[in-house]
């Protein structure tokens, strides 16, 4: 999950940045035996806020919590509940 933050932090291009970061994050999750995880558009504000906190305050806690919530939803096998709560 840290890889997602590091990639979008060091690769500051608007087009393609998020897609490649999410792809790399999922490759690493899959390599560790975790499910492929989608970042729902409905949670974009939470994701962007967590990325901003990680960047400005050098604290990835909110981002890790956000991504862990999404992975947990996938592990529970509830596709209708893909959007974690705030």
C-alpha atoms as a PDB file:
ATOM      1  CA  UNK A   1       0.000   0.000   0.000  1.00  0.00           C
ATOM      2  CA  UNK A   2       2.912   2.258   0.620  1.00  0.00           C
ATOM      3  CA  UNK A   3       3.921   1.612  -2.985  1.00  0.00           C
ATOM      4  CA  UNK A   4       0.733   3.291  -4.202  1.00  0.00           C
ATOM      5  CA  UNK A   5       1.555   6.451  -2.267  1.00  0.00           C
ATOM      6  CA  UNK A   6       5.233   6.440  -3.246  1.00  0.00           C
ATOM      7  CA  UNK A   7       4.419   6.047  -6.933  1.00  0.00           C
ATOM      8  CA  UNK A   8       1.869   8.869  -7.077  1.00  0.00           C
ATOM      9  CA  UNK A   9       4.177  11.039  -4.942  1.00  0.00           C
ATOM     10  CA  UNK A  10       7.263  10.640  -7.149  1.00  0.00           C
ATOM     11  CA  UNK A  11       5.383  10.443 -10.460  1.00  0.00           C
ATOM     12  CA  UNK A  12       3.510  13.775 -10.446  1.00  0.00           C
ATOM     13  CA  UNK A  13       1.803  13.525 -13.821  1.00  0.00           C
ATOM     14  CA  UNK A  14      -1.946  14.014 -14.027  1.00  0.00           C
ATOM     15  CA  UNK A  15      -2.728  11.639 -16.896  1.00  0.00           C
ATOM     16  CA  UNK A  16      -2.130   7.975 -16.138  1.00  0.00           C
ATOM     17  CA  UNK A  17      -0.607   8.522 -12.717  1.00  0.00           C
ATOM     18  CA  UNK A  18      -3.506   7.117 -10.709  1.00  0.00           C
ATOM     19  CA  UNK A  19      -4.130   4.220 -13.070  1.00  0.00           C
ATOM     20  CA  UNK A  20      -0.512   3.072 -12.956  1.00  0.00           C
ATOM     21  CA  UNK A  21      -0.348   3.556  -9.179  1.00  0.00           C
ATOM     22  CA  UNK A  22      -3.486   1.463  -8.666  1.00  0.00           C
ATOM     23  CA  UNK A  23      -2.153  -1.196 -11.021  1.00  0.00           C
ATOM     24  CA  UNK A  24       1.150  -1.424  -9.127  1.00  0.00           C
ATOM     25  CA  UNK A  25      -0.717  -1.529  -5.814  1.00  0.00           C
ATOM     26  CA  UNK A  26      -2.841  -4.444  -7.056  1.00  0.00           C
ATOM     27  CA  UNK A  27       0.153  -6.340  -8.440  1.00  0.00           C
ATOM     28  CA  UNK A  28       1.756  -6.121  -5.010  1.00  0.00           C
ATOM     29  CA  UNK A  29      -1.471  -7.091  -3.230  1.00  0.00           C
ATOM     30  CA  UNK A  30      -1.905 -10.096  -5.548  1.00  0.00           C
ATOM     31  CA  UNK A  31       1.727 -11.110  -5.057  1.00  0.00           C
ATOM     32  CA  UNK A  32       1.037 -11.215  -1.311  1.00  0.00           C
ATOM     33  CA  UNK A  33      -2.045 -13.392  -1.784  1.00  0.00           C
ATOM     34  CA  UNK A  34      -4.566 -10.580  -1.315  1.00  0.00           C
ATOM     35  CA  UNK A  35      -7.512  -9.868  -3.629  1.00  0.00           C
ATOM     36  CA  UNK A  36      -7.391  -7.425  -6.525  1.00  0.00           C
ATOM     37  CA  UNK A  37      -8.931  -4.276  -5.074  1.00  0.00           C
ATOM     38  CA  UNK A  38     -10.842  -1.528  -6.860  1.00  0.00           C
ATOM     39  CA  UNK A  39     -10.837   2.049  -5.574  1.00  0.00           C
ATOM     40  CA  UNK A  40     -14.478   3.054  -6.128  1.00  0.00           C
ATOM     41  CA  UNK A  41     -15.117   6.481  -7.604  1.00  0.00           C
ATOM     42  CA  UNK A  42     -17.567   7.068  -4.751  1.00  0.00           C
ATOM     43  CA  UNK A  43     -14.622   7.064  -2.333  1.00  0.00           C
ATOM     44  CA  UNK A  44     -12.410   9.368  -4.410  1.00  0.00           C
ATOM     45  CA  UNK A  45     -12.593  12.216  -1.880  1.00  0.00           C
ATOM     46  CA  UNK A  46     -11.455   9.929   0.947  1.00  0.00           C
ATOM     47  CA  UNK A  47      -8.617   8.582  -1.192  1.00  0.00           C
ATOM     48  CA  UNK A  48      -7.445  12.033  -2.287  1.00  0.00           C
ATOM     49  CA  UNK A  49      -7.609  13.342   1.273  1.00  0.00           C
ATOM     50  CA  UNK A  50      -5.556  10.377   2.509  1.00  0.00           C
ATOM     51  CA  UNK A  51      -2.991  10.903  -0.264  1.00  0.00           C
ATOM     52  CA  UNK A  52      -2.782  14.610   0.597  1.00  0.00           C
ATOM     53  CA  UNK A  53      -2.231  13.822   4.285  1.00  0.00           C
ATOM     54  CA  UNK A  54       0.458  11.313   3.373  1.00  0.00           C
ATOM     55  CA  UNK A  55       2.182  13.851   1.153  1.00  0.00           C
ATOM     56  CA  UNK A  56       1.957  16.940   3.366  1.00  0.00           C
ATOM     57  CA  UNK A  57       2.237  15.381   6.820  1.00  0.00           C
ATOM     58  CA  UNK A  58       4.383  12.359   5.824  1.00  0.00           C
ATOM     59  CA  UNK A  59       1.810  10.095   7.501  1.00  0.00           C
ATOM     60  CA  UNK A  60       0.350   7.213   5.484  1.00  0.00           C
ATOM     61  CA  UNK A  61      -1.948   6.052   8.288  1.00  0.00           C
ATOM     62  CA  UNK A  62      -5.184   7.321   6.705  1.00  0.00           C
ATOM     63  CA  UNK A  63      -4.204   5.879   3.313  1.00  0.00           C
ATOM     64  CA  UNK A  64      -3.341   2.510   4.832  1.00  0.00           C
ATOM     65  CA  UNK A  65      -6.656   2.474   6.702  1.00  0.00           C
ATOM     66  CA  UNK A  66      -8.603   3.386   3.557  1.00  0.00           C
ATOM     67  CA  UNK A  67      -6.935   0.681   1.468  1.00  0.00           C
ATOM     68  CA  UNK A  68      -7.252  -1.893   4.264  1.00  0.00           C
ATOM     69  CA  UNK A  69     -10.998  -1.185   4.400  1.00  0.00           C
ATOM     70  CA  UNK A  70     -11.270  -1.850   0.659  1.00  0.00           C
ATOM     71  CA  UNK A  71      -9.261  -5.074   0.886  1.00  0.00           C
ATOM     72  CA  UNK A  72     -11.429  -6.215   3.798  1.00  0.00           C
ATOM     73  CA  UNK A  73     -14.576  -5.673   1.722  1.00  0.00           C
ATOM     74  CA  UNK A  74     -13.069  -7.815  -1.054  1.00  0.00           C
ATOM     75  CA  UNK A  75     -12.103 -10.544   1.415  1.00  0.00           C
ATOM     76  CA  UNK A  76     -15.647 -10.630   2.777  1.00  0.00           C
ATOM     77  CA  UNK A  77     -16.900 -11.278  -0.762  1.00  0.00           C
ATOM     78  CA  UNK A  78     -19.570  -8.610  -0.741  1.00  0.00           C
ATOM     79  CA  UNK A  79     -19.449  -6.990  -4.181  1.00  0.00           C
ATOM     80  CA  UNK A  80     -22.597  -4.981  -3.406  1.00  0.00           C
ATOM     81  CA  UNK A  81     -20.763  -3.366  -0.455  1.00  0.00           C
ATOM     82  CA  UNK A  82     -17.690  -2.144  -2.302  1.00  0.00           C
ATOM     83  CA  UNK A  83     -17.746   1.318  -0.777  1.00  0.00           C
ATOM     84  CA  UNK A  84     -16.247   1.405   2.729  1.00  0.00           C
ATOM     85  CA  UNK A  85     -17.600   3.890   5.224  1.00  0.00           C
ATOM     86  CA  UNK A  86     -15.660   6.989   6.179  1.00  0.00           C
END
